[in-house]
PDB file of all heavy atoms in Angstrom:
ATOM      1  N   PHE A   1      13.186  -1.186  41.157  1.00  0.00           N
ATOM      2  CA  PHE A   1      13.474  -0.140  42.184  1.00  0.00           C
ATOM      3  C   PHE A   1      12.269   0.400  42.841  1.00  0.00           C
ATOM      4  O   PHE A   1      11.236   0.476  42.151  1.00  0.00           O
ATOM      5  CB  PHE A   1      14.316   0.894  41.546  1.00  0.00           C
ATOM      6  CG  PHE A   1      15.501   0.441  40.768  1.00  0.00           C
ATOM      7  CD1 PHE A   1      15.642   0.698  39.488  1.00  0.00           C
ATOM      8  CD2 PHE A   1      16.563  -0.301  41.504  1.00  0.00           C
ATOM      9  CE1 PHE A   1      16.943   0.235  38.795  1.00  0.00           C
ATOM     10  CE2 PHE A   1      17.645  -0.786  40.860  1.00  0.00           C
ATOM     11  CZ  PHE A   1      17.798  -0.506  39.621  1.00  0.00           C
ATOM     12  N   ALA A   2      12.388   0.700  44.098  1.00  0.00           N
ATOM     13  CA  ALA A   2      11.409   1.591  44.743  1.00  0.00           C
ATOM     14  C   ALA A   2      11.047   2.740  43.885  1.00  0.00           C
ATOM     15  O   ALA A   2      12.094   3.368  43.234  1.00  0.00           O
ATOM     16  CB  ALA A   2      11.759   1.847  46.141  1.00  0.00           C
ATOM     17  N   VAL A   3       9.902   3.282  43.998  1.00  0.00           N
ATOM     18  CA  VAL A   3       9.498   4.418  43.116  1.00  0.00           C
ATOM     19  C   VAL A   3      10.221   5.635  43.682  1.00  0.00           C
ATOM     20  O   VAL A   3      10.222   5.957  44.836  1.00  0.00           O
ATOM     21  CB  VAL A   3       8.070   4.692  43.203  1.00  0.00           C
ATOM     22  CG1 VAL A   3       7.651   6.049  42.531  1.00  0.00           C
ATOM     23  CG2 VAL A   3       7.257   3.442  42.655  1.00  0.00           C
ATOM     24  N   ASP A   4      10.966   6.380  42.824  1.00  0.00           N
ATOM     25  CA  ASP A   4      11.674   7.605  43.109  1.00  0.00           C
ATOM     26  C   ASP A   4      10.596   8.715  43.074  1.00  0.00           C
ATOM     27  O   ASP A   4      10.153   8.918  41.938  1.00  0.00           O
ATOM     28  CB  ASP A   4      12.773   7.949  42.126  1.00  0.00           C
ATOM     29  CG  ASP A   4      13.541   9.130  42.444  1.00  0.00           C
ATOM     30  OD1 ASP A   4      13.102  10.008  43.225  1.00  0.00           O
ATOM     31  OD2 ASP A   4      14.620   9.266  41.893  1.00  0.00           O
ATOM     32  N   PRO A   5      10.243   9.400  44.165  1.00  0.00           N
ATOM     33  CA  PRO A   5       9.180  10.491  44.147  1.00  0.00           C
ATOM     34  C   PRO A   5       9.450  11.435  43.027  1.00  0.00           C
ATOM     35  O   PRO A   5       8.538  12.001  42.438  1.00  0.00           O
ATOM     36  CB  PRO A   5       9.301  11.126  45.533  1.00  0.00           C
ATOM     37  CG  PRO A   5       9.924   9.846  46.351  1.00  0.00           C
ATOM     38  CD  PRO A   5      10.867   9.254  45.442  1.00  0.00           C
ATOM     39  N   ALA A   6      10.761  11.675  42.706  1.00  0.00           N
ATOM     40  CA  ALA A   6      11.053  12.584  41.642  1.00  0.00           C
ATOM     41  C   ALA A   6      10.692  12.215  40.268  1.00  0.00           C
ATOM     42  O   ALA A   6      10.512  13.028  39.296  1.00  0.00           O
ATOM     43  CB  ALA A   6      12.621  12.930  41.757  1.00  0.00           C
ATOM     44  N   LEU A   7      10.535  10.774  39.997  1.00  0.00           N
ATOM     45  CA  LEU A   7      10.168  10.343  38.759  1.00  0.00           C
ATOM     46  C   LEU A   7       8.852   9.688  38.678  1.00  0.00           C
ATOM     47  O   LEU A   7       8.356   9.097  37.565  1.00  0.00           O
ATOM     48  CB  LEU A   7      11.206   9.265  38.441  1.00  0.00           C
ATOM     49  CG  LEU A   7      12.619   9.674  38.352  1.00  0.00           C
ATOM     50  CD1 LEU A   7      13.513   8.454  38.031  1.00  0.00           C
ATOM     51  CD2 LEU A   7      12.901  10.705  37.206  1.00  0.00           C
ATOM     52  N   LYS A   8       8.065   9.924  39.751  1.00  0.00           N
ATOM     53  CA  LYS A   8       6.747   9.142  39.824  1.00  0.00           C
ATOM     54  C   LYS A   8       5.752   9.557  38.727  1.00  0.00           C
ATOM     55  O   LYS A   8       4.796   8.781  38.362  1.00  0.00           O
ATOM     56  CB  LYS A   8       6.087   9.299  41.239  1.00  0.00           C
ATOM     57  CG  LYS A   8       5.568  10.721  41.473  1.00  0.00           C
ATOM     58  CD  LYS A   8       4.974  10.711  42.925  1.00  0.00           C
ATOM     59  CE  LYS A   8       4.580  12.118  43.270  1.00  0.00           C
ATOM     60  NZ  LYS A   8       3.452  12.636  42.422  1.00  0.00           N
ATOM     61  N   ASP A   9       5.884  10.719  38.190  1.00  0.00           N
ATOM     62  CA  ASP A   9       4.981  11.117  37.118  1.00  0.00           C
ATOM     63  C   ASP A   9       5.651  11.268  35.677  1.00  0.00           C
ATOM     64  O   ASP A   9       5.124  11.719  34.729  1.00  0.00           O
ATOM     65  CB  ASP A   9       4.550  12.622  37.451  1.00  0.00           C
ATOM     66  CG  ASP A   9       3.731  12.787  38.743  1.00  0.00           C
ATOM     67  OD1 ASP A   9       2.810  11.813  38.797  1.00  0.00           O
ATOM     68  OD2 ASP A   9       3.779  13.650  39.372  1.00  0.00           O
ATOM     69  N   GLU A  10       6.799  10.530  35.754  1.00  0.00           N
ATOM     70  CA  GLU A  10       7.576  10.522  34.338  1.00  0.00           C
ATOM     71  C   GLU A  10       6.865   9.591  33.496  1.00  0.00           C
ATOM     72  O   GLU A  10       6.753   8.402  33.783  1.00  0.00           O
ATOM     73  CB  GLU A  10       9.082  10.124  34.690  1.00  0.00           C
ATOM     74  CG  GLU A  10       9.895  10.050  33.355  1.00  0.00           C
ATOM     75  CD  GLU A  10      10.751  11.247  33.275  1.00  0.00           C
ATOM     76  OE1 GLU A  10      10.775  12.162  34.237  1.00  0.00           O
ATOM     77  OE2 GLU A  10      11.315  11.484  32.225  1.00  0.00           O
ATOM     78  N   LEU A  11       6.550  10.078  32.423  1.00  0.00           N
ATOM     79  CA  LEU A  11       5.753   9.191  31.387  1.00  0.00           C
ATOM     80  C   LEU A  11       6.864   8.326  30.620  1.00  0.00           C
ATOM     81  O   LEU A  11       7.941   8.596  30.375  1.00  0.00           O
ATOM     82  CB  LEU A  11       5.146   9.963  30.322  1.00  0.00           C
ATOM     83  CG  LEU A  11       3.890  10.890  30.755  1.00  0.00           C
ATOM     84  CD1 LEU A  11       3.348  11.630  29.653  1.00  0.00           C
ATOM     85  CD2 LEU A  11       2.924  10.006  31.549  1.00  0.00           C
ATOM     86  N   GLY A  12       6.426   6.991  30.370  1.00  0.00           N
ATOM     87  CA  GLY A  12       7.251   6.113  29.614  1.00  0.00           C
ATOM     88  C   GLY A  12       8.172   5.237  30.373  1.00  0.00           C
ATOM     89  O   GLY A  12       8.867   4.423  29.783  1.00  0.00           O
ATOM     90  N   LEU A  13       8.257   5.287  31.837  1.00  0.00           N
ATOM     91  CA  LEU A  13       9.041   4.540  32.558  1.00  0.00           C
ATOM     92  C   LEU A  13       8.155   3.345  32.967  1.00  0.00           C
ATOM     93  O   LEU A  13       7.087   3.474  33.427  1.00  0.00           O
ATOM     94  CB  LEU A  13       9.519   5.336  33.936  1.00  0.00           C
ATOM     95  CG  LEU A  13      10.421   6.537  33.492  1.00  0.00           C
ATOM     96  CD1 LEU A  13      10.944   7.103  34.884  1.00  0.00           C
ATOM     97  CD2 LEU A  13      11.713   6.045  32.670  1.00  0.00           C
ATOM     98  N   TRP A  14       8.791   2.209  32.855  1.00  0.00           N
ATOM     99  CA  TRP A  14       8.134   0.880  33.268  1.00  0.00           C
ATOM    100  C   TRP A  14       9.284   0.052  34.014  1.00  0.00           C
ATOM    101  O   TRP A  14      10.417   0.232  33.816  1.00  0.00           O
ATOM    102  CB  TRP A  14       7.779   0.076  31.947  1.00  0.00           C
ATOM    103  CG  TRP A  14       6.661   0.708  31.229  1.00  0.00           C
ATOM    104  CD1 TRP A  14       6.786   1.660  30.337  1.00  0.00           C
ATOM    105  CD2 TRP A  14       5.380   0.262  31.360  1.00  0.00           C
ATOM    106  NE1 TRP A  14       5.486   1.913  29.732  1.00  0.00           N
ATOM    107  CE2 TRP A  14       4.552   1.143  30.512  1.00  0.00           C
ATOM    108  CE3 TRP A  14       4.625  -0.527  32.235  1.00  0.00           C
ATOM    109  CZ2 TRP A  14       3.173   1.088  30.367  1.00  0.00           C
ATOM    110  CZ3 TRP A  14       3.254  -0.679  31.945  1.00  0.00           C
ATOM    111  CH2 TRP A  14       2.510   0.106  31.093  1.00  0.00           C
ATOM    112  N   ARG A  15       8.736  -0.669  35.061  1.00  0.00           N
ATOM    113  CA  ARG A  15       9.687  -1.453  35.760  1.00  0.00           C
ATOM    114  C   ARG A  15      10.129  -2.579  34.653  1.00  0.00           C
ATOM    115  O   ARG A  15      11.265  -3.055  34.734  1.00  0.00           O
ATOM    116  CB  ARG A  15       8.938  -2.130  36.915  1.00  0.00           C
ATOM    117  CG  ARG A  15       8.950  -1.270  38.126  1.00  0.00           C
ATOM    118  CD  ARG A  15       8.167  -1.815  39.363  1.00  0.00           C
ATOM    119  NE  ARG A  15       8.609  -1.127  40.460  1.00  0.00           N
ATOM    120  CZ  ARG A  15       8.078  -1.424  41.644  1.00  0.00           C
ATOM    121  NH1 ARG A  15       7.238  -2.368  41.940  1.00  0.00           N
ATOM    122  NH2 ARG A  15       8.582  -0.736  42.779  1.00  0.00           N
ATOM    123  N   ALA A  16       9.293  -3.104  33.837  1.00  0.00           N
ATOM    124  CA  ALA A  16       9.642  -3.903  32.599  1.00  0.00           C
ATOM    125  C   ALA A  16       8.616  -3.659  31.568  1.00  0.00           C
ATOM    126  O   ALA A  16       7.364  -3.938  31.744  1.00  0.00           O
ATOM    127  CB  ALA A  16       9.596  -5.434  33.060  1.00  0.00           C
ATOM    128  N   GLY A  17       9.078  -3.154  30.461  1.00  0.00           N
ATOM    129  CA  GLY A  17       8.122  -2.914  29.262  1.00  0.00           C
ATOM    130  C   GLY A  17       7.667  -4.164  28.701  1.00  0.00           C
ATOM    131  O   GLY A  17       8.122  -5.350  28.931  1.00  0.00           O
ATOM    132  N   ALA A  18       6.479  -4.035  28.033  1.00  0.00           N
ATOM    133  CA  ALA A  18       5.848  -5.142  27.444  1.00  0.00           C
ATOM    134  C   ALA A  18       6.779  -5.926  26.464  1.00  0.00           C
ATOM    135  O   ALA A  18       7.484  -5.472  25.576  1.00  0.00           O
ATOM    136  CB  ALA A  18       4.620  -4.682  26.616  1.00  0.00           C
ATOM    137  N   HIS A  19       6.681  -7.402  26.720  1.00  0.00           N
ATOM    138  CA  HIS A  19       7.582  -8.246  25.763  1.00  0.00           C
ATOM    139  C   HIS A  19       7.074  -9.521  25.875  1.00  0.00           C
ATOM    140  O   HIS A  19       6.311  -9.985  26.738  1.00  0.00           O
ATOM    141  CB  HIS A  19       9.004  -8.164  26.353  1.00  0.00           C
ATOM    142  CG  HIS A  19       9.198  -8.589  27.767  1.00  0.00           C
ATOM    143  ND1 HIS A  19       8.794  -7.909  28.914  1.00  0.00           N
ATOM    144  CD2 HIS A  19       9.503  -9.774  28.256  1.00  0.00           C
ATOM    145  CE1 HIS A  19       8.987  -8.668  29.994  1.00  0.00           C
ATOM    146  NE2 HIS A  19       9.577  -9.781  29.589  1.00  0.00           N
ATOM    147  N   THR A  20       7.572 -10.378  24.959  1.00  0.00           N
ATOM    148  CA  THR A  20       7.422 -11.764  25.068  1.00  0.00           C
ATOM    149  C   THR A  20       8.929 -12.419  25.415  1.00  0.00           C
ATOM    150  O   THR A  20       9.837 -11.724  25.176  1.00  0.00           O
ATOM    151  CB  THR A  20       6.992 -12.497  23.721  1.00  0.00           C
ATOM    152  OG1 THR A  20       7.842 -12.055  22.600  1.00  0.00           O
ATOM    153  CG2 THR A  20       5.653 -12.123  23.428  1.00  0.00           C
ATOM    154  N   ASP A  21       8.956 -13.462  26.077  1.00  0.00           N
ATOM    155  CA  ASP A  21      10.171 -14.096  26.368  1.00  0.00           C
ATOM    156  C   ASP A  21      10.725 -14.712  24.991  1.00  0.00           C
ATOM    157  O   ASP A  21       9.965 -15.355  24.172  1.00  0.00           O
ATOM    158  CB  ASP A  21      10.129 -15.028  27.465  1.00  0.00           C
ATOM    159  CG  ASP A  21       9.829 -14.196  28.854  1.00  0.00           C
ATOM    160  OD1 ASP A  21      10.275 -13.102  28.960  1.00  0.00           O
ATOM    161  OD2 ASP A  21       9.432 -14.900  29.715  1.00  0.00           O
ATOM    162  N   TYR A  22      12.056 -14.889  24.977  1.00  0.00           N
ATOM    163  CA  TYR A  22      12.510 -15.618  23.845  1.00  0.00           C
ATOM    164  C   TYR A  22      13.107 -17.053  24.046  1.00  0.00           C
ATOM    165  O   TYR A  22      13.905 -17.468  23.296  1.00  0.00           O
ATOM    166  CB  TYR A  22      13.611 -14.709  23.071  1.00  0.00           C
ATOM    167  CG  TYR A  22      14.570 -13.830  24.047  1.00  0.00           C
ATOM    168  CD1 TYR A  22      15.600 -14.311  24.733  1.00  0.00           C
ATOM    169  CD2 TYR A  22      14.235 -12.475  24.200  1.00  0.00           C
ATOM    170  CE1 TYR A  22      16.330 -13.384  25.574  1.00  0.00           C
ATOM    171  CE2 TYR A  22      14.926 -11.626  25.007  1.00  0.00           C
ATOM    172  CZ  TYR A  22      15.906 -12.161  25.614  1.00  0.00           C
ATOM    173  OH  TYR A  22      16.677 -11.308  26.487  1.00  0.00           O
ATOM    174  N   ASP A  23      12.589 -17.602  25.150  1.00  0.00           N
ATOM    175  CA  ASP A  23      13.029 -18.951  25.479  1.00  0.00           C
ATOM    176  C   ASP A  23      11.868 -20.005  25.059  1.00  0.00           C
ATOM    177  O   ASP A  23      11.093 -19.627  24.263  1.00  0.00           O
ATOM    178  CB  ASP A  23      13.220 -19.001  27.065  1.00  0.00           C
ATOM    179  CG  ASP A  23      12.042 -18.608  27.787  1.00  0.00           C
ATOM    180  OD1 ASP A  23      11.035 -18.138  27.097  1.00  0.00           O
ATOM    181  OD2 ASP A  23      12.070 -18.850  29.115  1.00  0.00           O
ATOM    182  N   CYS A  24      12.065 -21.158  25.578  1.00  0.00           N
ATOM    183  CA  CYS A  24      10.864 -22.214  25.377  1.00  0.00           C
ATOM    184  C   CYS A  24       9.895 -21.975  26.407  1.00  0.00           C
ATOM    185  O   CYS A  24       8.680 -21.896  26.182  1.00  0.00           O
ATOM    186  CB  CYS A  24      11.573 -23.605  25.556  1.00  0.00           C
ATOM    187  SG  CYS A  24      12.316 -24.241  24.012  1.00  0.00           S
ATOM    188  N   LEU A  25      10.258 -21.839  27.721  1.00  0.00           N
ATOM    189  CA  LEU A  25       9.376 -21.841  28.882  1.00  0.00           C
ATOM    190  C   LEU A  25       9.902 -21.019  30.002  1.00  0.00           C
ATOM    191  O   LEU A  25      11.206 -21.226  30.282  1.00  0.00           O
ATOM    192  CB  LEU A  25       8.975 -23.211  29.436  1.00  0.00           C
ATOM    193  CG  LEU A  25       7.937 -23.169  30.577  1.00  0.00           C
ATOM    194  CD1 LEU A  25       6.554 -22.953  30.045  1.00  0.00           C
ATOM    195  CD2 LEU A  25       7.941 -24.733  31.181  1.00  0.00           C
ATOM    196  N   THR A  26       9.224 -20.113  30.500  1.00  0.00           N
ATOM    197  CA  THR A  26       9.734 -19.378  31.710  1.00  0.00           C
ATOM    198  C   THR A  26       8.917 -19.736  32.997  1.00  0.00           C
ATOM    199  O   THR A  26       7.717 -19.851  32.910  1.00  0.00           O
ATOM    200  CB  THR A  26       9.416 -17.830  31.419  1.00  0.00           C
ATOM    201  OG1 THR A  26      10.123 -17.342  30.156  1.00  0.00           O
ATOM    202  CG2 THR A  26       9.940 -17.036  32.556  1.00  0.00           C
ATOM    203  N   LEU A  27       9.648 -19.942  34.067  1.00  0.00           N
ATOM    204  CA  LEU A  27       9.148 -20.064  35.373  1.00  0.00           C
ATOM    205  C   LEU A  27       9.479 -18.764  36.129  1.00  0.00           C
ATOM    206  O   LEU A  27      10.565 -18.317  36.351  1.00  0.00           O
ATOM    207  CB  LEU A  27       9.927 -21.313  36.112  1.00  0.00           C
ATOM    208  CG  LEU A  27      10.042 -22.587  35.227  1.00  0.00           C
ATOM    209  CD1 LEU A  27      10.740 -23.592  36.127  1.00  0.00           C
ATOM    210  CD2 LEU A  27       8.690 -23.145  34.857  1.00  0.00           C
ATOM    211  N   LEU A  28       8.395 -18.262  36.709  1.00  0.00           N
ATOM    212  CA  LEU A  28       8.474 -17.058  37.448  1.00  0.00           C
ATOM    213  C   LEU A  28       7.960 -17.222  38.930  1.00  0.00           C
ATOM    214  O   LEU A  28       6.822 -17.542  39.062  1.00  0.00           O
ATOM    215  CB  LEU A  28       7.682 -15.849  36.740  1.00  0.00           C
ATOM    216  CG  LEU A  28       7.712 -14.537  37.388  1.00  0.00           C
ATOM    217  CD1 LEU A  28       9.231 -13.899  37.351  1.00  0.00           C
ATOM    218  CD2 LEU A  28       6.753 -13.588  36.818  1.00  0.00           C
ATOM    219  N   PHE A  29       8.833 -16.697  39.767  1.00  0.00           N
ATOM    220  CA  PHE A  29       8.437 -16.722  41.242  1.00  0.00           C
ATOM    221  C   PHE A  29       8.322 -15.287  41.677  1.00  0.00           C
ATOM    222  O   PHE A  29       9.123 -14.419  41.349  1.00  0.00           O
ATOM    223  CB  PHE A  29       9.603 -17.371  42.070  1.00  0.00           C
ATOM    224  CG  PHE A  29       9.964 -18.786  41.816  1.00  0.00           C
ATOM    225  CD1 PHE A  29      10.819 -19.017  40.598  1.00  0.00           C
ATOM    226  CD2 PHE A  29       9.480 -19.835  42.413  1.00  0.00           C
ATOM    227  CE1 PHE A  29      11.208 -20.223  40.278  1.00  0.00           C
ATOM    228  CE2 PHE A  29       9.848 -21.023  42.077  1.00  0.00           C
ATOM    229  CZ  PHE A  29      10.715 -21.339  41.005  1.00  0.00           C
ATOM    230  N   GLN A  30       7.177 -14.995  42.244  1.00  0.00           N
ATOM    231  CA  GLN A  30       6.770 -13.726  42.803  1.00  0.00           C
ATOM    232  C   GLN A  30       6.690 -13.656  44.281  1.00  0.00           C
ATOM    233  O   GLN A  30       6.403 -14.727  44.843  1.00  0.00           O
ATOM    234  CB  GLN A  30       5.542 -13.088  42.166  1.00  0.00           C
ATOM    235  CG  GLN A  30       5.401 -13.106  40.657  1.00  0.00           C
ATOM    236  CD  GLN A  30       4.171 -12.191  40.310  1.00  0.00           C
ATOM    237  OE1 GLN A  30       4.075 -11.063  40.171  1.00  0.00           O
ATOM    238  NE2 GLN A  30       3.118 -12.984  40.005  1.00  0.00           N
ATOM    239  N   ARG A  31       6.889 -12.507  44.766  1.00  0.00           N
ATOM    240  CA  ARG A  31       6.852 -12.432  46.291  1.00  0.00           C
ATOM    241  C   ARG A  31       5.425 -11.686  46.729  1.00  0.00           C
ATOM    242  O   ARG A  31       5.037 -10.684  46.056  1.00  0.00           O
ATOM    243  CB  ARG A  31       7.940 -11.483  46.811  1.00  0.00           C
ATOM    244  CG  ARG A  31       8.529 -12.044  47.971  1.00  0.00           C
ATOM    245  CD  ARG A  31       9.884 -11.306  48.414  1.00  0.00           C
ATOM    246  NE  ARG A  31      10.546 -12.172  49.458  1.00  0.00           N
ATOM    247  CZ  ARG A  31      11.756 -11.667  50.015  1.00  0.00           C
ATOM    248  NH1 ARG A  31      12.215 -10.528  49.483  1.00  0.00           N
ATOM    249  NH2 ARG A  31      12.206 -12.408  51.003  1.00  0.00           N
ATOM    250  N   ALA A  32       4.936 -12.248  47.737  1.00  0.00           N
ATOM    251  CA  ALA A  32       3.690 -11.706  48.118  1.00  0.00           C
ATOM    252  C   ALA A  32       3.738 -10.283  48.568  1.00  0.00           C
ATOM    253  O   ALA A  32       4.801  -9.774  49.099  1.00  0.00           O
ATOM    254  CB  ALA A  32       3.150 -12.523  49.514  1.00  0.00           C
ATOM    255  N   GLY A  33       2.746  -9.505  48.081  1.00  0.00           N
ATOM    256  CA  GLY A  33       2.721  -8.005  48.490  1.00  0.00           C
ATOM    257  C   GLY A  33       3.463  -7.230  47.553  1.00  0.00           C
ATOM    258  O   GLY A  33       3.437  -5.921  47.511  1.00  0.00           O
ATOM    259  N   GLN A  34       4.114  -7.750  46.495  1.00  0.00           N
ATOM    260  CA  GLN A  34       4.847  -6.984  45.453  1.00  0.00           C
ATOM    261  C   GLN A  34       4.252  -7.284  44.151  1.00  0.00           C
ATOM    262  O   GLN A  34       4.844  -8.088  43.164  1.00  0.00           O
ATOM    263  CB  GLN A  34       6.340  -7.438  45.505  1.00  0.00           C
ATOM    264  CG  GLN A  34       6.929  -7.142  46.928  1.00  0.00           C
ATOM    265  CD  GLN A  34       8.404  -7.634  46.985  1.00  0.00           C
ATOM    266  OE1 GLN A  34       9.078  -7.998  46.106  1.00  0.00           O
ATOM    267  NE2 GLN A  34       9.025  -7.390  48.249  1.00  0.00           N
ATOM    268  N   ALA A  35       3.123  -6.657  43.672  1.00  0.00           N
ATOM    269  CA  ALA A  35       2.402  -6.889  42.458  1.00  0.00           C
ATOM    270  C   ALA A  35       2.957  -6.056  41.494  1.00  0.00           C
ATOM    271  O   ALA A  35       4.015  -5.402  41.610  1.00  0.00           O
ATOM    272  CB  ALA A  35       0.939  -6.573  42.854  1.00  0.00           C
TER     273      ALA A  35
END
């Protein structure tokens, strides 16, 4: 989600928290400009 200004300083929120994947292999496609 786009950053909600009301939550921008909220601690503990992540777009995706740290993890390993539980599969064999992951293929990830990213979009330019969306780091």
